[in-house]
């Protein structure tokens, strides 16, 4: 049974106890990464209440990819708005299961949430992860209705490298078009601490991931900014030493210059990791990331199935 949400000293004690349980019993496979541990803590502290996994390890695409599907535990029967969410990890690591905390958070707010895996460096280079992302959107368009979702209301989002995929799919039409998906399929995009303007490459992960590009500019979301792109929420963090806030600043400015629709929110006291951690129940007090993201999606998608975000 999930541990009820607590505050202050009791909350810290609950977190400590949860970590002790996790380490003591070694819930091994799911706890081999910080996000996996966070998902475990989120679950036992109430993050799973009101959300359910309705699809696990579902195959999609042409390269053996798999995805999970989450949804609200209770609905009024109306088709749900859909969010496809890609996790981060510098294009080299990460797994859909470890980000259950993020999927549950949005599912509890009334979304059908699809969390796809994607191929990673060094097995692949650019643009393989974008192809996988586009194939995940195609699967979502074709199967959202099977899980109670509305294929006419699909948004995309992600954190870090996952935000990069969301931005590229939102801005560069070739990836969705290559999978037979109309660019208008995407109604909104949310990028949490994503790299959008990072050429010339200086970080090893970016250098390794983008080796497949004939034209380095073709790897940059900002290069594809356009007036008719779906509305975008671009989040940055003041203490982010991995992905500088200039990425969100520059892309927002470029979109505004083109009369595109973009909102930039910066969280001055948060780090790169803090932003995605704030989506979870144990660390939601770090900042209103979930609230702001859901509010943006509500504004830019049909509202009938969306409820107010709760902390």
Foldseek 3Di string as FASTA:
>chain_A
DAAEADDDPVLVVLVVVLVCVCVVVCPDPQPPDPLSSLVSSLRNHPLQPQKDWPAPQPAWDDPRKGKTKMAGPDFPLAAFAEEEEEEDDLQADDDRSSNVQLRSLVRSQQYTYMYIDFHGPPVAAPPRRLLVVLRSLVCCLVCSVVVRHDQQRYAYEYAEVRNLSRLCLQFPVPNNVVVVHGSNSHQEYEYQLYAADCPPPDDPSNCSRHVVDPDVLNSHSLSRQAAPGHAYEYEEEQAEPPRDPVRVVVSVVSNVVRNHHYHYDYHNHDYSVLLSSCSGSSNVVSDVNSQVVLVVSCVRGPNPRGDHRDD
